Amino acid sequence: MTPAERELSDFRLFRTVFYYCIIIIALPVITFFGSKMLIFDGLLGLASVPSNVYSAISAIAVLHVALGFYIYRAYTSEAKPSKQD
């Protein structure tokens, strides 16, 4: 593997990990506040504490789905066998 190919491979790996990090950080936060304001407070009209609890449960569920996708991607990624001279 040439140095240019190795750098390209490292960049692809960094891009994939960075993408999943953003998803794992941002998606649960967006889910928490979005479901709280739109569904549990707005649509259902729940009190503050139950609304927070249900929003946290939905954010945790989304976090686990995102982590599952990341783990699946890590196990199914193409692993090229390295040549040893």
PDB file of N, CA and C in Angstrom:
ATOM      1  N   MET A   1       0.851  -1.167   0.000  1.00  0.00           N
ATOM      2  CA  MET A   1       0.000   0.000   0.000  1.00  0.00           C
ATOM      3  C   MET A   1       0.898   1.232   0.000  1.00  0.00           C
ATOM      4  N   THR A   2       0.635   2.104  -0.925  1.00  0.00           N
ATOM      5  CA  THR A   2       1.434   3.314  -1.019  1.00  0.00           C
ATOM      6  C   THR A   2       1.011   4.305   0.061  1.00  0.00           C
ATOM      7  N   PRO A   3       1.853   5.273   0.363  1.00  0.00           N
ATOM      8  CA  PRO A   3       1.477   6.278   1.371  1.00  0.00           C
ATOM      9  C   PRO A   3       0.210   7.050   0.996  1.00  0.00           C
ATOM     10  N   ALA A   4       0.009   7.324  -0.282  1.00  0.00           N
ATOM     11  CA  ALA A   4      -1.199   8.047  -0.708  1.00  0.00           C
ATOM     12  C   ALA A   4      -2.446   7.204  -0.469  1.00  0.00           C
ATOM     13  N   GLU A   5      -2.369   5.913  -0.765  1.00  0.00           N
ATOM     14  CA  GLU A   5      -3.509   5.024  -0.525  1.00  0.00           C
ATOM     15  C   GLU A   5      -3.790   4.889   0.969  1.00  0.00           C
ATOM     16  N   ARG A   6      -2.730   4.847   1.756  1.00  0.00           N
ATOM     17  CA  ARG A   6      -2.898   4.739   3.204  1.00  0.00           C
ATOM     18  C   ARG A   6      -3.560   6.003   3.763  1.00  0.00           C
ATOM     19  N   GLU A   7      -3.142   7.169   3.267  1.00  0.00           N
ATOM     20  CA  GLU A   7      -3.756   8.420   3.719  1.00  0.00           C
ATOM     21  C   GLU A   7      -5.223   8.487   3.327  1.00  0.00           C
ATOM     22  N   LEU A   8      -5.547   8.030   2.123  1.00  0.00           N
ATOM     23  CA  LEU A   8      -6.933   8.019   1.674  1.00  0.00           C
ATOM     24  C   LEU A   8      -7.759   7.066   2.532  1.00  0.00           C
ATOM     25  N   SER A   9      -7.198   5.922   2.855  1.00  0.00           N
ATOM     26  CA  SER A   9      -7.881   4.964   3.703  1.00  0.00           C
ATOM     27  C   SER A   9      -8.092   5.525   5.108  1.00  0.00           C
ATOM     28  N   ASP A  10      -7.066   6.182   5.638  1.00  0.00           N
ATOM     29  CA  ASP A  10      -7.190   6.807   6.963  1.00  0.00           C
ATOM     30  C   ASP A  10      -8.230   7.910   6.957  1.00  0.00           C
ATOM     31  N   PHE A  11      -8.284   8.690   5.872  1.00  0.00           N
ATOM     32  CA  PHE A  11      -9.272   9.759   5.780  1.00  0.00           C
ATOM     33  C   PHE A  11     -10.687   9.192   5.724  1.00  0.00           C
ATOM     34  N   ARG A  12     -10.878   8.123   4.988  1.00  0.00           N
ATOM     35  CA  ARG A  12     -12.206   7.491   4.923  1.00  0.00           C
ATOM     36  C   ARG A  12     -12.623   6.976   6.297  1.00  0.00           C
ATOM     37  N   LEU A  13     -11.703   6.370   6.996  1.00  0.00           N
ATOM     38  CA  LEU A  13     -11.985   5.875   8.339  1.00  0.00           C
ATOM     39  C   LEU A  13     -12.325   7.032   9.275  1.00  0.00           C
ATOM     40  N   PHE A  14     -11.549   8.106   9.222  1.00  0.00           N
ATOM     41  CA  PHE A  14     -11.820   9.276  10.057  1.00  0.00           C
ATOM     42  C   PHE A  14     -13.190   9.865   9.735  1.00  0.00           C
ATOM     43  N   ARG A  15     -13.504   9.968   8.449  1.00  0.00           N
ATOM     44  CA  ARG A  15     -14.791  10.535   8.037  1.00  0.00           C
ATOM     45  C   ARG A  15     -15.948   9.695   8.552  1.00  0.00           C
ATOM     46  N   THR A  16     -15.833   8.375   8.489  1.00  0.00           N
ATOM     47  CA  THR A  16     -16.891   7.494   8.966  1.00  0.00           C
ATOM     48  C   THR A  16     -17.071   7.617  10.476  1.00  0.00           C
ATOM     49  N   VAL A  17     -15.963   7.593  11.208  1.00  0.00           N
ATOM     50  CA  VAL A  17     -16.050   7.704  12.669  1.00  0.00           C
ATOM     51  C   VAL A  17     -16.589   9.078  13.073  1.00  0.00           C
ATOM     52  N   PHE A  18     -16.145  10.122  12.406  1.00  0.00           N
ATOM     53  CA  PHE A  18     -16.628  11.473  12.705  1.00  0.00           C
ATOM     54  C   PHE A  18     -18.127  11.587  12.443  1.00  0.00           C
ATOM     55  N   TYR A  19     -18.586  11.020  11.337  1.00  0.00           N
ATOM     56  CA  TYR A  19     -20.009  11.038  10.993  1.00  0.00           C
ATOM     57  C   TYR A  19     -20.824  10.358  12.091  1.00  0.00           C
ATOM     58  N   TYR A  20     -20.406   9.175  12.522  1.00  0.00           N
ATOM     59  CA  TYR A  20     -21.148   8.472  13.552  1.00  0.00           C
ATOM     60  C   TYR A  20     -21.059   9.177  14.901  1.00  0.00           C
ATOM     61  N   CYS A  21     -19.956   9.833  15.200  1.00  0.00           N
ATOM     62  CA  CYS A  21     -19.858  10.607  16.446  1.00  0.00           C
ATOM     63  C   CYS A  21     -20.868  11.748  16.465  1.00  0.00           C
ATOM     64  N   ILE A  22     -20.978  12.443  15.340  1.00  0.00           N
ATOM     65  CA  ILE A  22     -21.958  13.532  15.253  1.00  0.00           C
ATOM     66  C   ILE A  22     -23.370  12.986  15.418  1.00  0.00           C
ATOM     67  N   ILE A  23     -23.662  11.878  14.760  1.00  0.00           N
ATOM     68  CA  ILE A  23     -24.987  11.256  14.873  1.00  0.00           C
ATOM     69  C   ILE A  23     -25.263  10.847  16.311  1.00  0.00           C
ATOM     70  N   ILE A  24     -24.288  10.213  16.959  1.00  0.00           N
ATOM     71  CA  ILE A  24     -24.478   9.702  18.318  1.00  0.00           C
ATOM     72  C   ILE A  24     -24.633  10.843  19.321  1.00  0.00           C
ATOM     73  N   ILE A  25     -24.021  11.974  19.058  1.00  0.00           N
ATOM     74  CA  ILE A  25     -24.143  13.109  19.974  1.00  0.00           C
ATOM     75  C   ILE A  25     -25.402  13.927  19.684  1.00  0.00           C
ATOM     76  N   ALA A  26     -25.638  14.249  18.428  1.00  0.00           N
ATOM     77  CA  ALA A  26     -26.698  15.198  18.083  1.00  0.00           C
ATOM     78  C   ALA A  26     -28.096  14.579  18.052  1.00  0.00           C
ATOM     79  N   LEU A  27     -28.224  13.379  17.526  1.00  0.00           N
ATOM     80  CA  LEU A  27     -29.550  12.798  17.333  1.00  0.00           C
ATOM     81  C   LEU A  27     -30.328  12.597  18.638  1.00  0.00           C
ATOM     82  N   PRO A  28     -29.723  12.085  19.721  1.00  0.00           N
ATOM     83  CA  PRO A  28     -30.486  11.977  20.970  1.00  0.00           C
ATOM     84  C   PRO A  28     -30.909  13.339  21.547  1.00  0.00           C
ATOM     85  N   VAL A  29     -30.059  14.345  21.407  1.00  0.00           N
ATOM     86  CA  VAL A  29     -30.413  15.675  21.915  1.00  0.00           C
ATOM     87  C   VAL A  29     -31.594  16.242  21.123  1.00  0.00           C
ATOM     88  N   ILE A  30     -31.521  16.111  19.809  1.00  0.00           N
ATOM     89  CA  ILE A  30     -32.620  16.587  18.962  1.00  0.00           C
ATOM     90  C   ILE A  30     -33.896  15.802  19.253  1.00  0.00           C
ATOM     91  N   THR A  31     -33.762  14.493  19.453  1.00  0.00           N
ATOM     92  CA  THR A  31     -34.928  13.661  19.765  1.00  0.00           C
ATOM     93  C   THR A  31     -35.545  14.062  21.097  1.00  0.00           C
ATOM     94  N   PHE A  32     -34.706  14.314  22.101  1.00  0.00           N
ATOM     95  CA  PHE A  32     -35.232  14.686  23.412  1.00  0.00           C
ATOM     96  C   PHE A  32     -36.067  15.960  23.323  1.00  0.00           C
ATOM     97  N   PHE A  33     -35.459  17.022  22.803  1.00  0.00           N
ATOM     98  CA  PHE A  33     -36.176  18.297  22.789  1.00  0.00           C
ATOM     99  C   PHE A  33     -37.306  18.314  21.767  1.00  0.00           C
ATOM    100  N   GLY A  34     -37.107  17.658  20.643  1.00  0.00           N
ATOM    101  CA  GLY A  34     -38.170  17.615  19.644  1.00  0.00           C
ATOM    102  C   GLY A  34     -39.386  16.853  20.131  1.00  0.00           C
ATOM    103  N   SER A  35     -39.164  15.666  20.704  1.00  0.00           N
ATOM    104  CA  SER A  35     -40.307  14.890  21.195  1.00  0.00           C
ATOM    105  C   SER A  35     -40.953  15.565  22.399  1.00  0.00           C
ATOM    106  N   LYS A  36     -40.158  16.217  23.230  1.00  0.00           N
ATOM    107  CA  LYS A  36     -40.726  16.919  24.391  1.00  0.00           C
ATOM    108  C   LYS A  36     -41.645  18.043  23.954  1.00  0.00           C
ATOM    109  N   MET A  37     -41.148  18.890  23.060  1.00  0.00           N
ATOM    110  CA  MET A  37     -41.944  20.054  22.658  1.00  0.00           C
ATOM    111  C   MET A  37     -43.107  19.681  21.738  1.00  0.00           C
ATOM    112  N   LEU A  38     -42.848  18.833  20.767  1.00  0.00           N
ATOM    113  CA  LEU A  38     -43.869  18.546  19.764  1.00  0.00           C
ATOM    114  C   LEU A  38     -44.866  17.486  20.207  1.00  0.00           C
ATOM    115  N   ILE A  39     -44.387  16.404  20.789  1.00  0.00           N
ATOM    116  CA  ILE A  39     -45.278  15.278  21.090  1.00  0.00           C
ATOM    117  C   ILE A  39     -45.821  15.349  22.509  1.00  0.00           C
ATOM    118  N   PHE A  40     -44.917  15.328  23.499  1.00  0.00           N
ATOM    119  CA  PHE A  40     -45.367  15.146  24.878  1.00  0.00           C
ATOM    120  C   PHE A  40     -45.942  16.416  25.499  1.00  0.00           C
ATOM    121  N   ASP A  41     -45.370  17.578  25.216  1.00  0.00           N
ATOM    122  CA  ASP A  41     -45.944  18.828  25.723  1.00  0.00           C
ATOM    123  C   ASP A  41     -47.053  19.342  24.802  1.00  0.00           C
ATOM    124  N   GLY A  42     -46.762  19.363  23.508  1.00  0.00           N
ATOM    125  CA  GLY A  42     -47.692  19.952  22.556  1.00  0.00           C
ATOM    126  C   GLY A  42     -48.899  19.094  22.258  1.00  0.00           C
ATOM    127  N   LEU A  43     -48.666  17.910  21.733  1.00  0.00           N
ATOM    128  CA  LEU A  43     -49.755  17.052  21.271  1.00  0.00           C
ATOM    129  C   LEU A  43     -50.503  16.385  22.418  1.00  0.00           C
ATOM    130  N   LEU A  44     -49.770  15.814  23.368  1.00  0.00           N
ATOM    131  CA  LEU A  44     -50.399  15.084  24.466  1.00  0.00           C
ATOM    132  C   LEU A  44     -50.682  15.948  25.691  1.00  0.00           C
ATOM    133  N   GLY A  45     -50.013  17.072  25.837  1.00  0.00           N
ATOM    134  CA  GLY A  45     -50.247  17.983  26.950  1.00  0.00           C
ATOM    135  C   GLY A  45     -49.893  17.399  28.305  1.00  0.00           C
ATOM    136  N   LEU A  46     -48.810  16.663  28.390  1.00  0.00           N
ATOM    137  CA  LEU A  46     -48.398  16.069  29.660  1.00  0.00           C
ATOM    138  C   LEU A  46     -47.762  17.117  30.565  1.00  0.00           C
ATOM    139  N   ALA A  47     -47.692  16.786  31.837  1.00  0.00           N
ATOM    140  CA  ALA A  47     -47.006  17.644  32.799  1.00  0.00           C
ATOM    141  C   ALA A  47     -45.506  17.577  32.545  1.00  0.00           C
ATOM    142  N   SER A  48     -44.759  18.414  33.228  1.00  0.00           N
ATOM    143  CA  SER A  48     -43.337  18.560  32.970  1.00  0.00           C
ATOM    144  C   SER A  48     -42.532  17.294  33.251  1.00  0.00           C
ATOM    145  N   VAL A  49     -42.739  16.669  34.399  1.00  0.00           N
ATOM    146  CA  VAL A  49     -41.932  15.504  34.782  1.00  0.00           C
ATOM    147  C   VAL A  49     -42.209  14.303  33.876  1.00  0.00           C
ATOM    148  N   PRO A  50     -43.452  13.913  33.654  1.00  0.00           N
ATOM    149  CA  PRO A  50     -43.670  12.785  32.735  1.00  0.00           C
ATOM    150  C   PRO A  50     -43.196  13.080  31.316  1.00  0.00           C
ATOM    151  N   SER A  51     -43.331  14.318  30.894  1.00  0.00           N
ATOM    152  CA  SER A  51     -42.850  14.708  29.570  1.00  0.00           C
ATOM    153  C   SER A  51     -41.340  14.536  29.474  1.00  0.00           C
ATOM    154  N   ASN A  52     -40.618  14.938  30.509  1.00  0.00           N
ATOM    155  CA  ASN A  52     -39.164  14.761  30.528  1.00  0.00           C
ATOM    156  C   ASN A  52     -38.770  13.289  30.541  1.00  0.00           C
ATOM    157  N   VAL A  53     -39.482  12.484  31.298  1.00  0.00           N
ATOM    158  CA  VAL A  53     -39.159  11.061  31.404  1.00  0.00           C
ATOM    159  C   VAL A  53     -39.378  10.375  30.051  1.00  0.00           C
ATOM    160  N   TYR A  54     -40.515  10.609  29.431  1.00  0.00           N
ATOM    161  CA  TYR A  54     -40.795   9.976  28.140  1.00  0.00           C
ATOM    162  C   TYR A  54     -39.843  10.478  27.049  1.00  0.00           C
ATOM    163  N   SER A  55     -39.486  11.738  27.111  1.00  0.00           N
ATOM    164  CA  SER A  55     -38.523  12.273  26.149  1.00  0.00           C
ATOM    165  C   SER A  55     -37.148  11.647  26.341  1.00  0.00           C
ATOM    166  N   ALA A  56     -36.751  11.452  27.583  1.00  0.00           N
ATOM    167  CA  ALA A  56     -35.456  10.815  27.863  1.00  0.00           C
ATOM    168  C   ALA A  56     -35.456   9.366  27.386  1.00  0.00           C
ATOM    169  N   ILE A  57     -36.563   8.676  27.579  1.00  0.00           N
ATOM    170  CA  ILE A  57     -36.654   7.287  27.113  1.00  0.00           C
ATOM    171  C   ILE A  57     -36.545   7.227  25.594  1.00  0.00           C
ATOM    172  N   SER A  58     -37.195   8.143  24.903  1.00  0.00           N
ATOM    173  CA  SER A  58     -37.106   8.149  23.440  1.00  0.00           C
ATOM    174  C   SER A  58     -35.691   8.518  22.980  1.00  0.00           C
ATOM    175  N   ALA A  59     -35.028   9.424  23.676  1.00  0.00           N
ATOM    176  CA  ALA A  59     -33.651   9.783  23.321  1.00  0.00           C
ATOM    177  C   ALA A  59     -32.704   8.606  23.551  1.00  0.00           C
ATOM    178  N   ILE A  60     -32.907   7.862  24.623  1.00  0.00           N
ATOM    179  CA  ILE A  60     -32.074   6.687  24.891  1.00  0.00           C
ATOM    180  C   ILE A  60     -32.297   5.621  23.820  1.00  0.00           C
ATOM    181  N   ALA A  61     -33.547   5.447  23.396  1.00  0.00           N
ATOM    182  CA  ALA A  61     -33.832   4.471  22.339  1.00  0.00           C
ATOM    183  C   ALA A  61     -33.131   4.866  21.035  1.00  0.00           C
ATOM    184  N   VAL A  62     -33.180   6.144  20.688  1.00  0.00           N
ATOM    185  CA  VAL A  62     -32.515   6.616  19.472  1.00  0.00           C
ATOM    186  C   VAL A  62     -31.007   6.456  19.591  1.00  0.00           C
ATOM    187  N   LEU A  63     -30.453   6.724  20.758  1.00  0.00           N
ATOM    188  CA  LEU A  63     -29.020   6.536  20.978  1.00  0.00           C
ATOM    189  C   LEU A  63     -28.616   5.077  20.764  1.00  0.00           C
ATOM    190  N   HIS A  64     -29.405   4.149  21.273  1.00  0.00           N
ATOM    191  CA  HIS A  64     -29.083   2.736  21.104  1.00  0.00           C
ATOM    192  C   HIS A  64     -29.186   2.302  19.643  1.00  0.00           C
ATOM    193  N   VAL A  65     -30.136   2.841  18.916  1.00  0.00           N
ATOM    194  CA  VAL A  65     -30.232   2.529  17.487  1.00  0.00           C
ATOM    195  C   VAL A  65     -29.005   3.053  16.746  1.00  0.00           C
ATOM    196  N   ALA A  66     -28.593   4.278  17.051  1.00  0.00           N
ATOM    197  CA  ALA A  66     -27.410   4.852  16.400  1.00  0.00           C
ATOM    198  C   ALA A  66     -26.151   4.055  16.745  1.00  0.00           C
ATOM    199  N   LEU A  67     -26.000   3.658  17.990  1.00  0.00           N
ATOM    200  CA  LEU A  67     -24.867   2.826  18.384  1.00  0.00           C
ATOM    201  C   LEU A  67     -24.905   1.463  17.688  1.00  0.00           C
ATOM    202  N   GLY A  68     -26.101   0.923  17.536  1.00  0.00           N
ATOM    203  CA  GLY A  68     -26.248  -0.342  16.827  1.00  0.00           C
ATOM    204  C   GLY A  68     -25.801  -0.237  15.381  1.00  0.00           C
ATOM    205  N   PHE A  69     -26.180   0.863  14.718  1.00  0.00           N
ATOM    206  CA  PHE A  69     -25.737   1.073  13.344  1.00  0.00           C
ATOM    207  C   PHE A  69     -24.220   1.213  13.267  1.00  0.00           C
ATOM    208  N   TYR A  70     -23.636   1.898  14.232  1.00  0.00           N
ATOM    209  CA  TYR A  70     -22.182   2.062  14.246  1.00  0.00           C
ATOM    210  C   TYR A  70     -21.480   0.715  14.441  1.00  0.00           C
ATOM    211  N   ILE A  71     -21.967  -0.077  15.361  1.00  0.00           N
ATOM    212  CA  ILE A  71     -21.372  -1.390  15.609  1.00  0.00           C
ATOM    213  C   ILE A  71     -21.542  -2.287  14.392  1.00  0.00           C
ATOM    214  N   TYR A  72     -22.710  -2.256  13.777  1.00  0.00           N
ATOM    215  CA  TYR A  72     -22.941  -3.042  12.568  1.00  0.00           C
ATOM    216  C   TYR A  72     -21.971  -2.631  11.469  1.00  0.00           C
ATOM    217  N   ARG A  73     -21.800  -1.332  11.304  1.00  0.00           N
ATOM    218  CA  ARG A  73     -20.877  -0.825  10.279  1.00  0.00           C
ATOM    219  C   ARG A  73     -19.439  -1.252  10.575  1.00  0.00           C
ATOM    220  N   ALA A  74     -19.068  -1.247  11.847  1.00  0.00           N
ATOM    221  CA  ALA A  74     -17.705  -1.631  12.214  1.00  0.00           C
ATOM    222  C   ALA A  74     -17.443  -3.106  11.932  1.00  0.00           C
ATOM    223  N   TYR A  75     -18.433  -3.951  12.161  1.00  0.00           N
ATOM    224  CA  TYR A  75     -18.243  -5.380  11.925  1.00  0.00           C
ATOM    225  C   TYR A  75     -18.351  -5.770  10.459  1.00  0.00           C
ATOM    226  N   THR A  76     -19.096  -5.006   9.677  1.00  0.00           N
ATOM    227  CA  THR A  76     -19.295  -5.392   8.280  1.00  0.00           C
ATOM    228  C   THR A  76     -18.448  -4.576   7.317  1.00  0.00           C
ATOM    229  N   SER A  77     -17.583  -3.727   7.829  1.00  0.00           N
ATOM    230  CA  SER A  77     -16.762  -2.923   6.932  1.00  0.00           C
ATOM    231  C   SER A  77     -15.788  -3.820   6.186  1.00  0.00           C
ATOM    232  N   GLU A  78     -15.418  -3.370   5.023  1.00  0.00           N
ATOM    233  CA  GLU A  78     -14.508  -4.154   4.197  1.00  0.00           C
ATOM    234  C   GLU A  78     -13.107  -4.108   4.803  1.00  0.00           C
ATOM    235  N   ALA A  79     -12.642  -5.232   5.189  1.00  0.00           N
ATOM    236  CA  ALA A  79     -11.287  -5.322   5.733  1.00  0.00           C
ATOM    237  C   ALA A  79     -10.406  -5.910   4.647  1.00  0.00           C
ATOM    238  N   LYS A  80      -9.511  -5.087   4.139  1.00  0.00           N
ATOM    239  CA  LYS A  80      -8.608  -5.562   3.100  1.00  0.00           C
ATOM    240  C   LYS A  80      -7.419  -6.253   3.755  1.00  0.00           C
ATOM    241  N   PRO A  81      -7.144  -7.460   3.330  1.00  0.00           N
ATOM    242  CA  PRO A  81      -5.971  -8.132   3.905  1.00  0.00           C
ATOM    243  C   PRO A  81      -4.692  -7.407   3.476  1.00  0.00           C
ATOM    244  N   SER A  82      -3.836  -7.216   4.435  1.00  0.00           N
ATOM    245  CA  SER A  82      -2.607  -6.502   4.139  1.00  0.00           C
ATOM    246  C   SER A  82      -1.560  -7.470   3.602  1.00  0.00           C
ATOM    247  N   LYS A  83      -0.800  -6.997   2.651  1.00  0.00           N
ATOM    248  CA  LYS A  83       0.272  -7.819   2.080  1.00  0.00           C
ATOM    249  C   LYS A  83       1.496  -7.710   2.976  1.00  0.00           C
ATOM    250  N   GLN A  84       2.075  -8.825   3.222  1.00  0.00           N
ATOM    251  CA  GLN A  84       3.300  -8.824   3.991  1.00  0.00           C
ATOM    252  C   GLN A  84       4.390  -9.385   3.106  1.00  0.00           C
ATOM    253  N   ASP A  85       5.393  -8.606   2.852  1.00  0.00           N
ATOM    254  CA  ASP A  85       6.484  -9.051   1.987  1.00  0.00           C
ATOM    255  C   ASP A  85       7.579  -9.725   2.777  1.00  0.00           C
TER     256      ASP A  85
END
